[in-house]
PDB file of all heavy atoms in Angstrom:
ATOM      1  N   LYS A   1      28.916  96.876 251.057  1.00  0.00           N
ATOM      2  CA  LYS A   1      28.756  97.431 249.713  1.00  0.00           C
ATOM      3  C   LYS A   1      29.005  98.945 249.721  1.00  0.00           C
ATOM      4  O   LYS A   1      29.591  99.487 248.781  1.00  0.00           O
ATOM      5  CB  LYS A   1      27.360  97.131 249.172  1.00  0.00           C
ATOM      6  CG  LYS A   1      27.141  95.675 248.839  1.00  0.00           C
ATOM      7  CD  LYS A   1      25.703  95.426 248.414  1.00  0.00           C
ATOM      8  CE  LYS A   1      25.424  93.934 248.316  1.00  0.00           C
ATOM      9  NZ  LYS A   1      24.003  93.641 248.143  1.00  0.00           N
ATOM     10  N   SER A   2      28.566  99.602 250.783  1.00  0.00           N
ATOM     11  CA  SER A   2      28.818 101.044 250.908  1.00  0.00           C
ATOM     12  C   SER A   2      30.321 101.317 250.975  1.00  0.00           C
ATOM     13  O   SER A   2      30.812 102.241 250.323  1.00  0.00           O
ATOM     14  CB  SER A   2      28.149 101.607 252.164  1.00  0.00           C
ATOM     15  OG  SER A   2      26.757 101.536 252.064  1.00  0.00           O
ATOM     16  N   PHE A   3      31.027 100.519 251.763  1.00  0.00           N
ATOM     17  CA  PHE A   3      32.477 100.699 251.862  1.00  0.00           C
ATOM     18  C   PHE A   3      33.136 100.493 250.499  1.00  0.00           C
ATOM     19  O   PHE A   3      34.042 101.259 250.126  1.00  0.00           O
ATOM     20  CB  PHE A   3      33.071  99.751 252.905  1.00  0.00           C
ATOM     21  CG  PHE A   3      33.168 100.345 254.275  1.00  0.00           C
ATOM     22  CD1 PHE A   3      32.051 100.422 255.090  1.00  0.00           C
ATOM     23  CD2 PHE A   3      34.363 100.850 254.750  1.00  0.00           C
ATOM     24  CE1 PHE A   3      32.125 100.976 256.361  1.00  0.00           C
ATOM     25  CE2 PHE A   3      34.457 101.415 256.015  1.00  0.00           C
ATOM     26  CZ  PHE A   3      33.334 101.472 256.825  1.00  0.00           C
ATOM     27  N   ALA A   4      32.698  99.488 249.756  1.00  0.00           N
ATOM     28  CA  ALA A   4      33.269  99.247 248.429  1.00  0.00           C
ATOM     29  C   ALA A   4      33.012 100.446 247.514  1.00  0.00           C
ATOM     30  O   ALA A   4      33.911 100.902 246.790  1.00  0.00           O
ATOM     31  CB  ALA A   4      32.688  97.971 247.829  1.00  0.00           C
ATOM     32  N   ARG A   5      31.800 100.965 247.554  1.00  0.00           N
ATOM     33  CA  ARG A   5      31.453 102.102 246.703  1.00  0.00           C
ATOM     34  C   ARG A   5      32.221 103.355 247.103  1.00  0.00           C
ATOM     35  O   ARG A   5      32.752 104.069 246.251  1.00  0.00           O
ATOM     36  CB  ARG A   5      29.952 102.365 246.797  1.00  0.00           C
ATOM     37  CG  ARG A   5      29.511 103.567 246.002  1.00  0.00           C
ATOM     38  CD  ARG A   5      28.010 103.745 246.036  1.00  0.00           C
ATOM     39  NE  ARG A   5      27.660 105.063 245.561  1.00  0.00           N
ATOM     40  CZ  ARG A   5      26.608 105.726 245.971  1.00  0.00           C
ATOM     41  NH1 ARG A   5      25.778 105.192 246.828  1.00  0.00           N
ATOM     42  NH2 ARG A   5      26.356 106.930 245.509  1.00  0.00           N
ATOM     43  N   PHE A   6      32.256 103.645 248.408  1.00  0.00           N
ATOM     44  CA  PHE A   6      32.848 104.902 248.863  1.00  0.00           C
ATOM     45  C   PHE A   6      34.367 104.879 248.955  1.00  0.00           C
ATOM     46  O   PHE A   6      34.976 105.843 249.401  1.00  0.00           O
ATOM     47  CB  PHE A   6      32.225 105.329 250.196  1.00  0.00           C
ATOM     48  CG  PHE A   6      30.756 105.652 250.074  1.00  0.00           C
ATOM     49  CD1 PHE A   6      29.840 105.142 250.977  1.00  0.00           C
ATOM     50  CD2 PHE A   6      30.282 106.451 249.058  1.00  0.00           C
ATOM     51  CE1 PHE A   6      28.488 105.427 250.869  1.00  0.00           C
ATOM     52  CE2 PHE A   6      28.935 106.742 248.929  1.00  0.00           C
ATOM     53  CZ  PHE A   6      28.040 106.226 249.834  1.00  0.00           C
ATOM     54  N   THR A   7      34.974 103.791 248.518  1.00  0.00           N
ATOM     55  CA  THR A   7      36.432 103.742 248.395  1.00  0.00           C
ATOM     56  C   THR A   7      36.835 103.472 246.944  1.00  0.00           C
ATOM     57  O   THR A   7      37.990 103.189 246.671  1.00  0.00           O
ATOM     58  CB  THR A   7      37.032 102.650 249.320  1.00  0.00           C
ATOM     59  OG1 THR A   7      36.441 101.380 248.996  1.00  0.00           O
ATOM     60  CG2 THR A   7      36.804 102.979 250.780  1.00  0.00           C
ATOM     61  N   SER A   8      35.872 103.562 246.020  1.00  0.00           N
ATOM     62  CA  SER A   8      36.159 103.338 244.600  1.00  0.00           C
ATOM     63  C   SER A   8      36.853 104.560 243.994  1.00  0.00           C
ATOM     64  O   SER A   8      36.941 105.620 244.617  1.00  0.00           O
ATOM     65  CB  SER A   8      34.875 103.006 243.845  1.00  0.00           C
ATOM     66  OG  SER A   8      34.025 104.126 243.804  1.00  0.00           O
ATOM     67  N   GLU A   9      37.294 104.397 242.760  1.00  0.00           N
ATOM     68  CA  GLU A   9      38.080 105.439 242.101  1.00  0.00           C
ATOM     69  C   GLU A   9      37.334 106.761 241.928  1.00  0.00           C
ATOM     70  O   GLU A   9      37.918 107.832 242.064  1.00  0.00           O
ATOM     71  CB  GLU A   9      38.545 104.930 240.730  1.00  0.00           C
ATOM     72  CG  GLU A   9      39.504 105.863 240.046  1.00  0.00           C
ATOM     73  CD  GLU A   9      40.006 105.291 238.728  1.00  0.00           C
ATOM     74  OE1 GLU A   9      40.105 104.056 238.613  1.00  0.00           O
ATOM     75  OE2 GLU A   9      40.287 106.092 237.830  1.00  0.00           O
ATOM     76  N   ASN A  10      36.029 106.689 241.645  1.00  0.00           N
ATOM     77  CA  ASN A  10      35.295 107.935 241.376  1.00  0.00           C
ATOM     78  C   ASN A  10      34.390 108.358 242.535  1.00  0.00           C
ATOM     79  O   ASN A  10      33.446 109.110 242.351  1.00  0.00           O
ATOM     80  CB  ASN A  10      34.489 107.808 240.080  1.00  0.00           C
ATOM     81  CG  ASN A  10      33.366 106.803 240.195  1.00  0.00           C
ATOM     82  OD1 ASN A  10      33.371 105.953 241.084  1.00  0.00           O
ATOM     83  ND2 ASN A  10      32.405 106.898 239.304  1.00  0.00           N
ATOM     84  N   CYS A  11      34.710 107.882 243.733  1.00  0.00           N
ATOM     85  CA  CYS A  11      33.923 108.270 244.902  1.00  0.00           C
ATOM     86  C   CYS A  11      34.837 108.352 246.122  1.00  0.00           C
ATOM     87  O   CYS A  11      35.677 107.477 246.333  1.00  0.00           O
ATOM     88  CB  CYS A  11      32.814 107.241 245.139  1.00  0.00           C
ATOM     89  SG  CYS A  11      31.698 107.719 246.473  1.00  0.00           S
ATOM     90  N   LYS A  12      34.682 109.399 246.880  1.00  0.00           N
ATOM     91  CA  LYS A  12      35.438 109.584 248.119  1.00  0.00           C
ATOM     92  C   LYS A  12      34.434 109.705 249.256  1.00  0.00           C
ATOM     93  O   LYS A  12      33.694 110.682 249.340  1.00  0.00           O
ATOM     94  CB  LYS A  12      36.307 110.849 248.081  1.00  0.00           C
ATOM     95  CG  LYS A  12      37.225 110.953 246.875  1.00  0.00           C
ATOM     96  CD  LYS A  12      38.335 109.955 246.935  1.00  0.00           C
ATOM     97  CE  LYS A  12      39.244 110.125 245.729  1.00  0.00           C
ATOM     98  NZ  LYS A  12      39.756 108.884 245.233  1.00  0.00           N
ATOM     99  N   GLY A  13      34.408 108.681 250.118  1.00  0.00           N
ATOM    100  CA  GLY A  13      33.504 108.691 251.257  1.00  0.00           C
ATOM    101  C   GLY A  13      34.255 108.958 252.546  1.00  0.00           C
ATOM    102  O   GLY A  13      35.402 108.544 252.707  1.00  0.00           O
ATOM    103  N   PHE A  14      33.590 109.648 253.463  1.00  0.00           N
ATOM    104  CA  PHE A  14      34.201 110.041 254.737  1.00  0.00           C
ATOM    105  C   PHE A  14      33.223 109.822 255.882  1.00  0.00           C
ATOM    106  O   PHE A  14      32.019 110.005 255.728  1.00  0.00           O
ATOM    107  CB  PHE A  14      34.572 111.529 254.721  1.00  0.00           C
ATOM    108  CG  PHE A  14      35.499 111.913 253.615  1.00  0.00           C
ATOM    109  CD1 PHE A  14      35.003 112.397 252.420  1.00  0.00           C
ATOM    110  CD2 PHE A  14      36.874 111.794 253.774  1.00  0.00           C
ATOM    111  CE1 PHE A  14      35.846 112.757 251.388  1.00  0.00           C
ATOM    112  CE2 PHE A  14      37.728 112.158 252.739  1.00  0.00           C
ATOM    113  CZ  PHE A  14      37.211 112.632 251.542  1.00  0.00           C
ATOM    114  N   PHE A  15      33.758 109.495 257.029  1.00  0.00           N
ATOM    115  CA  PHE A  15      32.991 109.534 258.262  1.00  0.00           C
ATOM    116  C   PHE A  15      33.259 110.886 258.911  1.00  0.00           C
ATOM    117  O   PHE A  15      34.380 111.378 258.896  1.00  0.00           O
ATOM    118  CB  PHE A  15      33.387 108.389 259.203  1.00  0.00           C
ATOM    119  CG  PHE A  15      32.833 107.069 258.782  1.00  0.00           C
ATOM    120  CD1 PHE A  15      33.611 106.172 258.084  1.00  0.00           C
ATOM    121  CD2 PHE A  15      31.505 106.735 259.050  1.00  0.00           C
ATOM    122  CE1 PHE A  15      33.098 104.960 257.668  1.00  0.00           C
ATOM    123  CE2 PHE A  15      30.978 105.527 258.632  1.00  0.00           C
ATOM    124  CZ  PHE A  15      31.783 104.630 257.940  1.00  0.00           C
ATOM    125  N   ILE A  16      32.222 111.465 259.466  1.00  0.00           N
ATOM    126  CA  ILE A  16      32.334 112.767 260.133  1.00  0.00           C
ATOM    127  C   ILE A  16      32.688 112.510 261.593  1.00  0.00           C
ATOM    128  O   ILE A  16      31.932 111.867 262.322  1.00  0.00           O
ATOM    129  CB  ILE A  16      31.009 113.548 260.036  1.00  0.00           C
ATOM    130  CG1 ILE A  16      30.593 113.726 258.571  1.00  0.00           C
ATOM    131  CG2 ILE A  16      31.132 114.895 260.746  1.00  0.00           C
ATOM    132  CD1 ILE A  16      29.142 114.164 258.394  1.00  0.00           C
ATOM    133  N   PHE A  17      33.838 113.022 261.997  1.00  0.00           N
ATOM    134  CA  PHE A  17      34.322 112.846 263.370  1.00  0.00           C
ATOM    135  C   PHE A  17      34.166 114.167 264.111  1.00  0.00           C
ATOM    136  O   PHE A  17      34.702 115.192 263.692  1.00  0.00           O
ATOM    137  CB  PHE A  17      35.788 112.413 263.351  1.00  0.00           C
ATOM    138  CG  PHE A  17      36.335 112.058 264.704  1.00  0.00           C
ATOM    139  CD1 PHE A  17      35.906 110.917 265.364  1.00  0.00           C
ATOM    140  CD2 PHE A  17      37.289 112.855 265.312  1.00  0.00           C
ATOM    141  CE1 PHE A  17      36.414 110.573 266.602  1.00  0.00           C
ATOM    142  CE2 PHE A  17      37.793 112.527 266.546  1.00  0.00           C
ATOM    143  CZ  PHE A  17      37.359 111.382 267.199  1.00  0.00           C
ATOM    144  N   TYR A  18      33.411 114.131 265.216  1.00  0.00           N
ATOM    145  CA  TYR A  18      33.199 115.327 266.040  1.00  0.00           C
ATOM    146  C   TYR A  18      34.211 115.292 267.183  1.00  0.00           C
ATOM    147  O   TYR A  18      34.092 114.502 268.116  1.00  0.00           O
ATOM    148  CB  TYR A  18      31.758 115.357 266.556  1.00  0.00           C
ATOM    149  CG  TYR A  18      31.412 116.626 267.292  1.00  0.00           C
ATOM    150  CD1 TYR A  18      31.404 117.851 266.634  1.00  0.00           C
ATOM    151  CD2 TYR A  18      31.084 116.592 268.642  1.00  0.00           C
ATOM    152  CE1 TYR A  18      31.074 119.021 267.310  1.00  0.00           C
ATOM    153  CE2 TYR A  18      30.757 117.760 269.318  1.00  0.00           C
ATOM    154  CZ  TYR A  18      30.755 118.969 268.639  1.00  0.00           C
ATOM    155  OH  TYR A  18      30.444 120.132 269.314  1.00  0.00           O
ATOM    156  N   LYS A  19      35.227 116.131 267.069  1.00  0.00           N
ATOM    157  CA  LYS A  19      36.370 116.086 267.980  1.00  0.00           C
ATOM    158  C   LYS A  19      36.038 116.376 269.443  1.00  0.00           C
ATOM    159  O   LYS A  19      36.583 115.707 270.325  1.00  0.00           O
ATOM    160  CB  LYS A  19      37.478 117.014 267.465  1.00  0.00           C
ATOM    161  CG  LYS A  19      38.121 116.463 266.197  1.00  0.00           C
ATOM    162  CD  LYS A  19      39.038 117.441 265.502  1.00  0.00           C
ATOM    163  CE  LYS A  19      40.156 117.913 266.380  1.00  0.00           C
ATOM    164  NZ  LYS A  19      41.100 118.786 265.669  1.00  0.00           N
ATOM    165  N   PRO A  20      35.170 117.355 269.759  1.00  0.00           N
ATOM    166  CA  PRO A  20      34.905 117.617 271.183  1.00  0.00           C
ATOM    167  C   PRO A  20      34.397 116.387 271.945  1.00  0.00           C
ATOM    168  O   PRO A  20      34.716 116.222 273.114  1.00  0.00           O
ATOM    169  CB  PRO A  20      33.853 118.727 271.153  1.00  0.00           C
ATOM    170  CG  PRO A  20      34.108 119.445 269.876  1.00  0.00           C
ATOM    171  CD  PRO A  20      34.505 118.365 268.903  1.00  0.00           C
ATOM    172  N   ASP A  21      33.615 115.539 271.285  1.00  0.00           N
ATOM    173  CA  ASP A  21      33.083 114.343 271.942  1.00  0.00           C
ATOM    174  C   ASP A  21      33.820 113.069 271.537  1.00  0.00           C
ATOM    175  O   ASP A  21      33.452 111.975 271.974  1.00  0.00           O
ATOM    176  CB  ASP A  21      31.588 114.188 271.632  1.00  0.00           C
ATOM    177  CG  ASP A  21      30.755 115.293 272.255  1.00  0.00           C
ATOM    178  OD1 ASP A  21      31.281 116.039 273.113  1.00  0.00           O
ATOM    179  OD2 ASP A  21      29.575 115.425 271.879  1.00  0.00           O
ATOM    180  N   GLN A  22      34.824 113.216 270.654  1.00  0.00           N
ATOM    181  CA  GLN A  22      35.595 112.058 270.175  1.00  0.00           C
ATOM    182  C   GLN A  22      34.689 110.948 269.660  1.00  0.00           C
ATOM    183  O   GLN A  22      34.814 109.787 270.040  1.00  0.00           O
ATOM    184  CB  GLN A  22      36.518 111.530 271.294  1.00  0.00           C
ATOM    185  CG  GLN A  22      37.621 112.495 271.692  1.00  0.00           C
ATOM    186  CD  GLN A  22      38.655 112.655 270.583  1.00  0.00           C
ATOM    187  OE1 GLN A  22      39.366 111.726 270.261  1.00  0.00           O
ATOM    188  NE2 GLN A  22      38.731 113.844 270.004  1.00  0.00           N
ATOM    189  N   THR A  23      33.745 111.339 268.761  1.00  0.00           N
ATOM    190  CA  THR A  23      32.785 110.364 268.246  1.00  0.00           C
ATOM    191  C   THR A  23      32.468 110.632 266.780  1.00  0.00           C
ATOM    192  O   THR A  23      32.586 111.763 266.303  1.00  0.00           O
ATOM    193  CB  THR A  23      31.496 110.374 269.091  1.00  0.00           C
ATOM    194  OG1 THR A  23      30.703 109.257 268.745  1.00  0.00           O
ATOM    195  CG2 THR A  23      30.693 111.655 268.910  1.00  0.00           C
ATOM    196  N   PHE A  24      32.039 109.583 266.107  1.00  0.00           N
ATOM    197  CA  PHE A  24      31.582 109.702 264.727  1.00  0.00           C
ATOM    198  C   PHE A  24      30.091 110.028 264.738  1.00  0.00           C
ATOM    199  O   PHE A  24      29.337 109.433 265.508  1.00  0.00           O
ATOM    200  CB  PHE A  24      31.850 108.400 263.964  1.00  0.00           C
ATOM    201  CG  PHE A  24      33.307 108.173 263.710  1.00  0.00           C
ATOM    202  CD1 PHE A  24      34.051 107.365 264.548  1.00  0.00           C
ATOM    203  CD2 PHE A  24      33.945 108.784 262.649  1.00  0.00           C
ATOM    204  CE1 PHE A  24      35.404 107.161 264.337  1.00  0.00           C
ATOM    205  CE2 PHE A  24      35.302 108.595 262.420  1.00  0.00           C
ATOM    206  CZ  PHE A  24      36.027 107.776 263.263  1.00  0.00           C
ATOM    207  N   ILE A  25      29.704 110.976 263.885  1.00  0.00           N
ATOM    208  CA  ILE A  25      28.308 111.437 263.908  1.00  0.00           C
ATOM    209  C   ILE A  25      27.597 111.286 262.573  1.00  0.00           C
ATOM    210  O   ILE A  25      26.393 111.518 262.496  1.00  0.00           O
ATOM    211  CB  ILE A  25      28.218 112.901 264.376  1.00  0.00           C
ATOM    212  CG1 ILE A  25      28.919 113.841 263.396  1.00  0.00           C
ATOM    213  CG2 ILE A  25      28.778 113.050 265.791  1.00  0.00           C
ATOM    214  CD1 ILE A  25      28.627 115.307 263.633  1.00  0.00           C
ATOM    215  N   GLY A  26      28.311 110.915 261.522  1.00  0.00           N
ATOM    216  CA  GLY A  26      27.663 110.802 260.223  1.00  0.00           C
ATOM    217  C   GLY A  26      28.651 110.523 259.114  1.00  0.00           C
ATOM    218  O   GLY A  26      29.794 110.122 259.363  1.00  0.00           O
ATOM    219  N   THR A  27      28.189 110.762 257.887  1.00  0.00           N
ATOM    220  CA  THR A  27      29.006 110.505 256.704  1.00  0.00           C
ATOM    221  C   THR A  27      28.903 111.665 255.723  1.00  0.00           C
ATOM    222  O   THR A  27      27.940 112.436 255.741  1.00  0.00           O
ATOM    223  CB  THR A  27      28.552 109.219 255.982  1.00  0.00           C
ATOM    224  OG1 THR A  27      27.210 109.378 255.535  1.00  0.00           O
ATOM    225  CG2 THR A  27      28.669 108.007 256.889  1.00  0.00           C
ATOM    226  N   ALA A  28      29.907 111.769 254.858  1.00  0.00           N
ATOM    227  CA  ALA A  28      29.916 112.756 253.777  1.00  0.00           C
ATOM    228  C   ALA A  28      30.587 112.101 252.579  1.00  0.00           C
ATOM    229  O   ALA A  28      31.382 111.174 252.739  1.00  0.00           O
ATOM    230  CB  ALA A  28      30.673 114.010 254.193  1.00  0.00           C
ATOM    231  N   LYS A  29      30.256 112.588 251.390  1.00  0.00           N
ATOM    232  CA  LYS A  29      30.848 111.975 250.202  1.00  0.00           C
ATOM    233  C   LYS A  29      30.959 112.960 249.057  1.00  0.00           C
ATOM    234  O   LYS A  29      30.236 113.955 248.980  1.00  0.00           O
ATOM    235  CB  LYS A  29      29.997 110.797 249.736  1.00  0.00           C
ATOM    236  CG  LYS A  29      28.644 111.233 249.195  1.00  0.00           C
ATOM    237  CD  LYS A  29      27.830 110.083 248.660  1.00  0.00           C
ATOM    238  CE  LYS A  29      26.477 110.600 248.185  1.00  0.00           C
ATOM    239  NZ  LYS A  29      25.677 109.594 247.554  1.00  0.00           N
ATOM    240  N   LEU A  30      31.892 112.650 248.197  1.00  0.00           N
ATOM    241  CA  LEU A  30      31.981 113.220 246.858  1.00  0.00           C
ATOM    242  C   LEU A  30      31.828 112.024 245.931  1.00  0.00           C
ATOM    243  O   LEU A  30      32.661 111.114 245.939  1.00  0.00           O
ATOM    244  CB  LEU A  30      33.327 113.909 246.632  1.00  0.00           C
ATOM    245  CG  LEU A  30      33.542 115.177 247.444  1.00  0.00           C
ATOM    246  CD1 LEU A  30      34.994 115.613 247.379  1.00  0.00           C
ATOM    247  CD2 LEU A  30      32.623 116.287 246.953  1.00  0.00           C
ATOM    248  N   ASP A  31      30.769 112.001 245.161  1.00  0.00           N
ATOM    249  CA  ASP A  31      30.421 110.837 244.347  1.00  0.00           C
ATOM    250  C   ASP A  31      30.414 111.232 242.874  1.00  0.00           C
ATOM    251  O   ASP A  31      30.298 112.410 242.542  1.00  0.00           O
ATOM    252  CB  ASP A  31      29.035 110.336 244.773  1.00  0.00           C
ATOM    253  CG  ASP A  31      28.780 108.895 244.393  1.00  0.00           C
ATOM    254  OD1 ASP A  31      29.647 108.257 243.770  1.00  0.00           O
ATOM    255  OD2 ASP A  31      27.685 108.401 244.726  1.00  0.00           O
ATOM    256  N   LYS A  32      30.541 110.233 242.024  1.00  0.00           N
ATOM    257  CA  LYS A  32      30.538 110.445 240.569  1.00  0.00           C
ATOM    258  C   LYS A  32      31.562 111.518 240.190  1.00  0.00           C
ATOM    259  O   LYS A  32      31.280 112.425 239.390  1.00  0.00           O
ATOM    260  CB  LYS A  32      29.142 110.800 240.078  1.00  0.00           C
ATOM    261  CG  LYS A  32      28.136 109.701 240.366  1.00  0.00           C
ATOM    262  CD  LYS A  32      26.745 110.066 239.925  1.00  0.00           C
ATOM    263  CE  LYS A  32      25.783 108.955 240.334  1.00  0.00           C
ATOM    264  NZ  LYS A  32      24.402 109.333 240.228  1.00  0.00           N
ATOM    265  N   ILE A  33      32.742 111.406 240.777  1.00  0.00           N
ATOM    266  CA  ILE A  33      33.824 112.347 240.488  1.00  0.00           C
ATOM    267  C   ILE A  33      34.238 112.171 239.032  1.00  0.00           C
ATOM    268  O   ILE A  33      34.572 111.066 238.606  1.00  0.00           O
ATOM    269  CB  ILE A  33      35.019 112.126 241.431  1.00  0.00           C
ATOM    270  CG1 ILE A  33      34.595 112.348 242.888  1.00  0.00           C
ATOM    271  CG2 ILE A  33      36.183 113.034 241.048  1.00  0.00           C
ATOM    272  CD1 ILE A  33      35.621 111.908 243.919  1.00  0.00           C
ATOM    273  N   SER A  34      34.209 113.254 238.287  1.00  0.00           N
ATOM    274  CA  SER A  34      34.559 113.214 236.873  1.00  0.00           C
ATOM    275  C   SER A  34      35.813 114.029 236.612  1.00  0.00           C
ATOM    276  O   SER A  34      35.835 115.235 236.890  1.00  0.00           O
ATOM    277  CB  SER A  34      33.416 113.766 236.022  1.00  0.00           C
ATOM    278  OG  SER A  34      33.843 113.935 234.679  1.00  0.00           O
ATOM    279  N   GLN A  35      36.829 113.377 236.087  1.00  0.00           N
ATOM    280  CA  GLN A  35      38.036 114.089 235.670  1.00  0.00           C
ATOM    281  C   GLN A  35      37.880 114.612 234.237  1.00  0.00           C
ATOM    282  O   GLN A  35      38.761 115.289 233.725  1.00  0.00           O
ATOM    283  CB  GLN A  35      39.260 113.170 235.783  1.00  0.00           C
ATOM    284  CG  GLN A  35      39.584 112.797 237.213  1.00  0.00           C
ATOM    285  CD  GLN A  35      39.806 114.001 238.119  1.00  0.00           C
ATOM    286  OE1 GLN A  35      40.392 115.006 237.710  1.00  0.00           O
ATOM    287  NE2 GLN A  35      39.323 113.917 239.343  1.00  0.00           N
TER     288      GLN A  35
END
């Protein structure tokens, strides 16, 4: 359900990738995007 929400038209979800350790450490989002 999170994936469905964070890939919808008015929401942009991201996983935070920490390059030095080549690992994912969290998430970030822009939600309720209003044009």
